[in-house]
Protein backbone atom coordinates (compact mmCIF):
# COMPACT_ATOMS: atom_id res chain seq x y z
CA MET A 1 41.82 -30.29 2.73
CA ALA A 2 41.82 -30.90 -0.99
CA ARG A 3 40.48 -28.24 -3.43
CA ILE A 4 39.22 -29.25 -6.74
CA GLY A 5 39.44 -26.58 -9.52
CA ILE A 6 38.68 -22.92 -9.33
CA ASN A 7 35.34 -21.27 -8.68
CA PRO A 8 33.97 -20.47 -12.16
CA ALA A 9 32.64 -17.20 -10.84
CA ARG A 10 36.14 -15.85 -10.11
CA GLY A 11 36.91 -12.82 -12.21
CA LYS A 12 33.41 -12.67 -13.70
CA ILE A 13 31.25 -9.47 -13.54
CA SER A 14 27.52 -9.56 -13.31
CA GLU A 15 25.62 -7.56 -15.90
CA TYR A 16 22.73 -6.97 -13.41
CA ARG A 17 22.12 -3.38 -12.22
CA PRO A 18 19.40 -2.50 -9.82
CA ALA A 19 16.47 -0.58 -11.37
CA LYS A 20 15.66 2.76 -9.91
CA VAL A 21 12.25 1.61 -8.43
CA SER A 22 11.90 -1.30 -6.28
CA LEU A 23 8.36 -2.78 -5.95
CA ALA A 24 8.17 -3.98 -2.43
CA VAL A 25 5.36 -6.22 -1.32
CA LEU A 26 4.63 -7.65 2.14
CA THR A 27 2.66 -10.85 2.50
CA TYR A 28 1.08 -12.71 5.34
CA ILE A 29 -1.47 -15.50 4.83
CA PRO A 30 -0.94 -18.13 7.68
CA ASP A 31 -3.73 -20.46 6.40
CA LEU A 32 -6.70 -20.47 3.96
CA SER A 33 -9.61 -20.48 6.35
CA GLY A 34 -11.68 -17.88 8.32
CA TYR A 35 -10.41 -14.44 7.72
CA PHE A 36 -7.84 -15.69 5.31
CA GLU A 37 -10.04 -17.97 3.38
CA HIS A 38 -9.86 -15.93 0.06
CA ARG A 39 -6.62 -14.17 0.70
CA LEU A 40 -4.68 -16.12 -1.82
CA GLU A 41 -7.06 -15.00 -4.57
CA VAL A 42 -6.62 -11.41 -3.44
CA LEU A 43 -2.78 -11.81 -3.46
CA GLN A 44 -2.89 -13.34 -6.97
CA LEU A 45 -4.99 -10.54 -8.36
CA ALA A 46 -2.85 -7.84 -6.60
CA LEU A 47 0.33 -9.25 -8.08
CA ALA A 48 -1.19 -9.64 -11.56
CA SER A 49 -2.30 -6.07 -11.57
CA LEU A 50 1.11 -4.94 -10.34
CA ARG A 51 2.95 -6.84 -13.05
CA ALA A 52 0.45 -5.90 -15.77
CA HIS A 53 0.25 -2.15 -14.95
CA THR A 54 3.92 -1.44 -14.22
CA THR A 55 6.26 -0.54 -17.14
CA PRO A 56 9.80 -1.89 -16.70
CA PRO A 57 12.54 -1.33 -15.43
CA TYR A 58 11.78 -2.29 -11.91
CA ASP A 59 12.74 -5.00 -9.40
CA LEU A 60 9.96 -6.86 -7.63
CA LEU A 61 10.80 -7.81 -4.07
CA ILE A 62 8.36 -9.80 -1.89
CA PHE A 63 8.93 -10.41 1.83
CA ASP A 64 6.68 -13.20 3.04
CA ASN A 65 6.11 -12.84 6.89
CA GLY A 66 5.31 -16.49 7.74
CA SER A 67 2.64 -17.64 5.31
CA CYS A 68 1.38 -21.25 5.01
CA GLN A 69 3.01 -23.64 2.62
CA THR A 70 0.24 -23.24 -0.12
CA VAL A 71 1.06 -19.61 -0.41
CA VAL A 72 4.88 -20.09 -0.25
CA ASP A 73 4.58 -22.63 -3.00
CA ALA A 74 2.50 -20.08 -5.09
CA LEU A 75 5.29 -17.44 -4.62
CA HIS A 76 8.00 -19.94 -5.48
CA LYS A 77 6.14 -20.67 -8.70
CA LEU A 78 5.98 -17.03 -9.68
CA GLN A 79 9.71 -16.65 -8.92
CA THR A 80 10.59 -19.69 -11.06
CA GLU A 81 8.54 -18.20 -13.92
CA GLY A 82 10.58 -15.03 -13.58
CA LYS A 83 7.75 -12.80 -12.17
CA ILE A 84 9.46 -12.15 -8.88
CA ASP A 85 12.96 -10.87 -8.84
CA TYR A 86 13.54 -11.30 -5.05
CA LEU A 87 11.70 -13.53 -2.60
CA VAL A 88 12.46 -13.36 1.06
CA LEU A 89 10.82 -15.99 3.34
CA SER A 90 10.55 -15.70 6.97
CA ARG A 91 9.87 -18.77 9.04
CA ASN A 92 8.03 -16.68 11.64
CA ASN A 93 5.82 -13.70 11.63
CA ILE A 94 8.13 -10.93 12.84
CA GLY A 95 5.49 -8.24 12.85
CA LYS A 96 4.69 -5.72 10.13
CA ILE A 97 6.93 -3.01 11.13
CA GLY A 98 9.79 -5.48 11.74
CA ALA A 99 9.17 -6.88 8.29
CA LEU A 100 9.30 -3.44 6.68
CA ARG A 101 12.70 -2.87 8.32
CA LEU A 102 14.07 -5.93 6.46
CA LEU A 103 12.16 -5.33 3.22
CA PHE A 104 13.27 -1.63 2.81
CA GLU A 105 16.85 -2.43 3.72
CA ALA A 106 16.89 -5.10 1.18
CA ALA A 107 15.26 -3.12 -1.60
CA PRO A 108 18.08 -2.29 -4.18
CA GLY A 109 16.38 0.74 -5.77
CA GLU A 110 16.61 4.33 -4.61
CA ILE A 111 12.79 4.61 -4.81
CA ILE A 112 10.58 2.06 -3.04
CA ALA A 113 7.08 1.50 -4.09
CA TYR A 114 5.53 -0.37 -1.11
CA SER A 115 2.12 -2.19 -0.88
CA ASP A 116 0.37 -4.60 1.33
CA GLU A 117 -0.77 -7.89 -0.37
CA ASP A 118 -4.25 -6.62 -1.05
CA ILE A 119 -3.78 -3.68 -3.38
CA LEU A 120 -5.12 -3.50 -6.93
CA PHE A 121 -3.16 -1.37 -9.26
CA TYR A 122 -4.50 0.52 -12.33
CA PRO A 123 -2.68 1.51 -15.49
CA GLY A 124 -0.34 4.50 -15.16
CA TRP A 125 -0.10 4.22 -11.38
CA LEU A 126 3.69 4.53 -11.19
CA PRO A 127 4.26 7.56 -13.38
CA ALA A 128 1.53 9.39 -11.50
CA HIS A 129 3.23 8.69 -8.07
CA LEU A 130 6.60 9.73 -9.38
CA ALA A 131 5.23 12.99 -10.88
CA ILE A 132 4.06 13.99 -7.43
CA LEU A 133 7.33 12.79 -5.74
CA GLU A 134 9.42 14.95 -8.18
CA SER A 135 7.12 18.01 -8.58
CA PHE A 136 6.45 18.90 -4.91
CA PRO A 137 8.98 19.92 -2.30
CA ASN A 138 9.92 17.68 0.62
CA VAL A 139 7.69 14.71 -0.34
CA GLY A 140 7.96 11.74 2.07
CA MET A 141 5.26 9.33 0.65
CA VAL A 142 2.84 9.33 -2.14
CA SER A 143 -0.31 7.03 -2.17
CA GLY A 144 -2.54 6.12 -5.05
CA THR A 145 -5.77 5.99 -3.06
CA PRO A 146 -6.89 9.40 -1.78
CA VAL A 147 -8.91 8.87 1.44
CA ARG A 148 -10.41 11.79 3.28
CA ASP A 149 -9.92 10.30 6.74
CA ALA A 150 -6.17 9.94 6.25
CA ALA A 151 -5.66 13.72 6.45
CA ARG A 152 -6.58 13.92 10.09
CA HIS A 153 -3.20 12.78 11.46
CA ALA A 154 0.49 13.57 10.68
CA CYS A 155 -0.41 16.72 8.81
CA GLN A 156 1.68 19.37 10.53
CA SER A 157 4.17 19.70 7.61
CA LEU A 158 1.15 20.40 5.29
CA GLU A 159 -0.13 22.89 7.83
CA ARG A 160 3.16 24.82 7.87
CA LEU A 161 3.31 24.81 4.04
CA ARG A 162 -0.26 26.21 3.84
CA LYS A 163 0.65 28.98 6.28
CA GLU A 164 3.78 29.85 4.31
CA ILE A 165 1.79 30.17 1.04
CA GLU A 166 -1.00 32.16 2.73
CA ASN A 167 1.51 34.56 4.27
CA GLY A 168 3.45 35.01 1.00
CA ARG A 169 6.69 33.41 2.37
CA GLN A 170 7.19 31.00 -0.60
CA THR A 171 10.68 29.97 -1.31
CA ALA A 172 12.34 28.82 -4.49
CA GLY A 173 11.28 25.27 -3.64
CA THR A 174 7.63 26.33 -3.27
CA SER A 175 7.42 28.66 -6.30
CA GLY A 176 4.29 28.27 -8.37
CA LEU A 177 2.62 26.12 -5.51
CA SER A 178 -0.95 26.82 -4.41
CA ILE A 179 -3.42 25.19 -2.12
CA SER A 180 -7.32 25.07 -2.06
CA PHE A 181 -9.81 23.13 -0.11
CA GLU A 182 -12.49 21.19 -1.95
CA ARG A 183 -14.66 18.13 -1.81
CA ARG A 184 -12.55 16.54 -4.41
CA ILE A 185 -12.68 12.73 -3.45
CA PRO A 186 -15.83 11.09 -4.75
CA GLU A 187 -18.07 9.53 -2.02
CA GLU A 188 -17.94 6.26 -4.11
CA TRP A 189 -14.22 5.85 -3.34
CA GLU A 190 -14.91 6.54 0.28
CA VAL A 191 -17.50 3.88 0.36
CA ASP A 192 -15.17 1.40 -1.24
CA TRP A 193 -12.49 2.24 1.29
CA ALA A 194 -14.81 1.78 4.20
CA GLU A 195 -16.14 -1.64 3.00
CA SER A 196 -12.70 -2.98 2.28
CA THR A 197 -11.45 -2.08 5.69
CA GLY A 198 -14.48 -3.39 7.57
CA ARG A 199 -16.07 -0.01 8.39
CA ASP A 200 -19.68 0.96 8.12
CA PRO A 201 -19.90 3.08 4.92
CA GLN A 202 -22.66 5.30 5.97
CA GLN A 203 -21.15 5.98 9.33
CA HIS A 204 -17.77 6.68 7.67
CA LEU A 205 -19.41 9.19 5.26
CA GLN A 206 -21.20 10.85 8.12
CA GLU A 207 -18.04 11.22 10.21
CA THR A 208 -16.16 12.80 7.34
CA SER A 209 -19.10 14.90 5.98
CA ASP A 210 -17.55 18.18 7.30
CA LEU A 211 -14.06 17.54 6.00
CA LYS A 212 -12.70 19.10 2.74
CA ASP A 213 -9.75 17.88 0.78
CA MET A 214 -6.51 19.92 0.74
CA VAL A 215 -5.73 20.01 -2.94
CA LEU A 216 -2.00 21.09 -3.78
CA ARG A 217 -1.16 22.44 -7.39
CA VAL A 218 2.17 23.31 -8.71
CA GLU A 219 2.62 24.92 -12.13
CA LYS A 220 5.84 25.49 -14.08
CA PRO A 221 5.38 28.52 -16.31
CA GLU A 222 8.48 27.75 -18.39
CA THR A 223 7.07 24.39 -19.43
CA GLY A 224 3.30 24.81 -18.87
CA GLU A 225 3.27 21.72 -16.74
CA ARG A 226 0.86 21.33 -13.95
CA CYS A 227 0.69 18.78 -11.31
CA GLU A 228 -2.01 18.17 -8.65
CA ALA A 229 -2.03 16.16 -5.27
CA ILE A 230 -4.32 15.69 -2.27
CA GLY A 231 -2.91 16.36 1.19
CA SER A 232 -3.06 12.83 2.80
CA ALA A 233 -1.46 9.47 2.30
CA ASN A 234 -2.13 5.80 3.31
CA HIS A 235 0.44 3.48 4.76
CA PHE A 236 -1.14 0.36 3.10
CA GLN A 237 0.46 1.58 -0.23
CA PHE A 238 2.92 4.43 -0.93
CA VAL A 239 5.90 5.41 -2.94
CA GLY A 240 8.94 7.16 -1.35
CA ARG A 241 12.68 7.61 -1.52
CA LYS A 242 14.53 4.76 0.26
CA GLN A 243 16.85 7.21 2.22
CA VAL A 244 13.75 8.92 3.70
CA LEU A 245 11.80 5.70 4.50
CA LEU A 246 14.78 4.18 6.29
CA GLN A 247 14.82 7.19 8.59
CA VAL A 248 11.38 6.75 9.83
CA LEU A 249 11.34 3.09 10.70
CA PRO A 250 11.65 2.38 14.49
CA THR A 251 15.01 0.86 15.63
CA VAL A 252 13.44 -1.28 18.49
CA TRP A 253 11.72 -4.51 17.80
CA SER A 254 8.26 -4.43 19.38
CA GLY A 255 7.04 -7.94 18.50
CA LYS A 256 3.63 -6.65 17.66
CA LEU A 257 2.05 -8.40 14.66
CA MET A 258 0.37 -5.21 13.65
CA GLY A 259 0.61 -1.53 14.58
CA HIS A 260 3.28 1.12 14.41
CA MET A 261 1.96 2.31 10.99
CA ILE A 262 0.36 5.50 12.27
CA GLU A 263 3.63 6.15 14.01
CA LEU A 264 5.43 5.74 10.75
CA ASP A 265 3.16 8.41 9.27
CA GLN A 266 3.88 10.62 12.17
CA ALA A 267 7.65 10.05 11.83
CA ILE A 268 7.49 11.22 8.29
CA ASP A 269 5.57 14.29 9.28
CA ASP A 270 8.04 14.97 12.16
CA LEU A 271 10.92 15.14 9.81
CA GLY A 272 9.18 17.82 7.72
CA TYR A 273 8.18 15.60 4.78
CA LEU A 274 4.76 15.86 3.14
CA ARG A 275 2.24 12.94 2.84
CA LEU A 276 0.32 13.24 -0.46
CA SER A 277 -1.96 11.18 -2.70
CA THR A 278 -2.73 11.24 -6.38
CA VAL A 279 -6.00 13.08 -7.24
CA GLN A 280 -7.12 10.12 -9.45
CA ARG A 281 -7.61 6.63 -7.87
CA TYR A 282 -4.66 4.62 -9.18
CA THR A 283 -4.69 1.96 -6.55
CA ARG A 284 -7.48 0.28 -4.63
CA HIS A 285 -7.62 -1.48 -1.22
CA LEU A 286 -9.23 -4.83 -1.71
CA GLY A 287 -9.49 -6.29 1.91
CA ASN A 288 -9.73 -10.06 2.45
CA ALA A 289 -12.18 -10.95 -0.29
CA LEU A 290 -13.04 -10.08 -3.91
CA SER A 291 -16.31 -8.40 -4.55
CA HIS A 292 -18.38 -8.72 -7.65
CA GLU A 293 -17.41 -5.19 -8.72
CA VAL A 294 -13.66 -5.95 -8.31
CA LEU A 295 -13.98 -9.19 -10.23
CA GLU A 296 -15.66 -7.27 -13.10
CA GLU A 297 -12.71 -4.75 -13.00
CA ALA A 298 -10.19 -7.58 -13.08
CA HIS A 299 -11.93 -9.11 -16.10
CA LYS A 300 -12.10 -5.79 -17.98
CA HIS A 301 -8.37 -5.24 -17.45
CA GLY A 302 -7.59 -8.86 -18.51
CA LEU A 303 -6.14 -9.72 -15.12
CA MET A 304 -7.98 -13.05 -14.63
CA THR A 305 -9.99 -15.39 -16.71
CA GLY A 306 -11.50 -17.69 -13.96
CA SER A 307 -12.40 -17.28 -10.26
CA GLY A 308 -9.04 -17.53 -8.82
CA GLY A 309 -7.52 -20.98 -9.51
CA GLY A 310 -10.77 -22.88 -9.25
CA ARG A 311 -11.47 -21.89 -5.72
CA LYS A 312 -14.98 -20.41 -4.92
CA ILE A 313 -14.62 -16.58 -4.16
CA LYS A 314 -17.12 -15.05 -1.90
CA ASP A 315 -18.83 -12.05 -3.38
CA LYS A 316 -18.76 -9.34 -0.70
CA GLY A 317 -21.28 -7.38 -2.68
CA ARG A 318 -23.27 -4.41 -1.24
CA GLY A 319 -26.50 -3.97 0.42
CA GLY A 320 -26.90 -7.58 1.59
CA LYS A 321 -28.51 -8.49 4.91
CA ARG A 322 -26.37 -8.85 8.03
CA HIS A 323 -25.98 -12.24 9.54
CA TRP A 324 -28.68 -13.06 12.13
CA ALA A 325 -26.05 -13.16 14.89
CA LEU A 326 -25.21 -9.55 14.26
CA ARG A 327 -28.87 -8.48 14.68
CA LEU A 328 -28.78 -9.58 18.38
CA PRO A 329 -28.27 -6.84 20.86
CA GLY A 330 -24.65 -6.61 21.95
CA SER A 331 -23.56 -9.50 19.81
CA ARG A 332 -21.04 -7.58 17.72
CA ARG A 333 -19.02 -6.66 20.77
CA PHE A 334 -18.83 -10.21 22.01
CA LEU A 335 -18.12 -11.68 18.57
CA VAL A 336 -15.26 -9.23 17.96
CA ALA A 337 -13.76 -10.06 21.44
CA ALA A 338 -14.11 -13.74 20.77
CA TYR A 339 -12.47 -13.30 17.27
CA LYS A 340 -9.57 -11.44 18.67
CA ARG A 341 -9.04 -14.11 21.36
CA LEU A 342 -9.05 -16.86 18.75
CA PHE A 343 -6.72 -15.06 16.56
CA ASP A 344 -4.24 -14.66 19.31
CA ILE A 345 -4.49 -18.40 20.10
CA LEU A 346 -4.06 -19.43 16.40
CA TYR A 347 -1.43 -17.05 15.17
CA ARG A 348 0.74 -15.78 18.08
């Protein structure tokens, strides 16, 4: 077989070097109707906040888990504009935990900053995460949204650390570390979290009314530095070391579109790593639509000048009346069951 010339790349060396931090985002928007009607606007705002509020160097890696062509085209456009470093497209939805396996393996950095597609990032979020990751011992994951409910599971490593400190068995790695229990997380953040995840805010507040937040502090007398963290983390957004995160992912493909994330939290805890959050709210879960409050925040930070590419965005708001169908006795149970069945038919 004939050969014409020599490959021009032969003997050349790439100047590219991976950044220490890989921003890893997972997307899945199969269409723009029903539950996903406003999801593209949510994704666009999330990525805009991530780029605007993250100081280079970093590599931005996006794994799209079988989105519709409109979303894929929007991601391609961002990559063409130089706003995405790596874009991986899956023809099928391989499930969230399966996508994380590919995403984390592909991330070139030694630190992975993971997020779902519906996370708003505030200025200073990454340095705050890294400060906790580097200041406290055996940290497995750090989240930017402290949520009181997230402390109820995968917390045995924190409990062991608390007992060591109370019994005066601190090691060199835990020197200068103290723990207290306070109501540190504002209820306003808890309400935002409940609404964005489809929970009833008042019921959520009532269910967590007797819980206190574990607040960890570490002080370095030689430098006078002090760092605080809250003893919980969320699997929708976190920062961790790649070598740790690869250890906790399951090796068996389940095929489930969702799930296994609580198990991921537990796997981190089982290996003796801490799950922590920043004391301030540096990230925010948005859900599947943008509320009036979130839109105002976006405009304040200069993240958007319109209403999301000309599409009308539903204002989720607060305090509005429930739909008449939800006021019928037993209707919610029926509607939820019908929705789950329709979702299976449409997206499995």
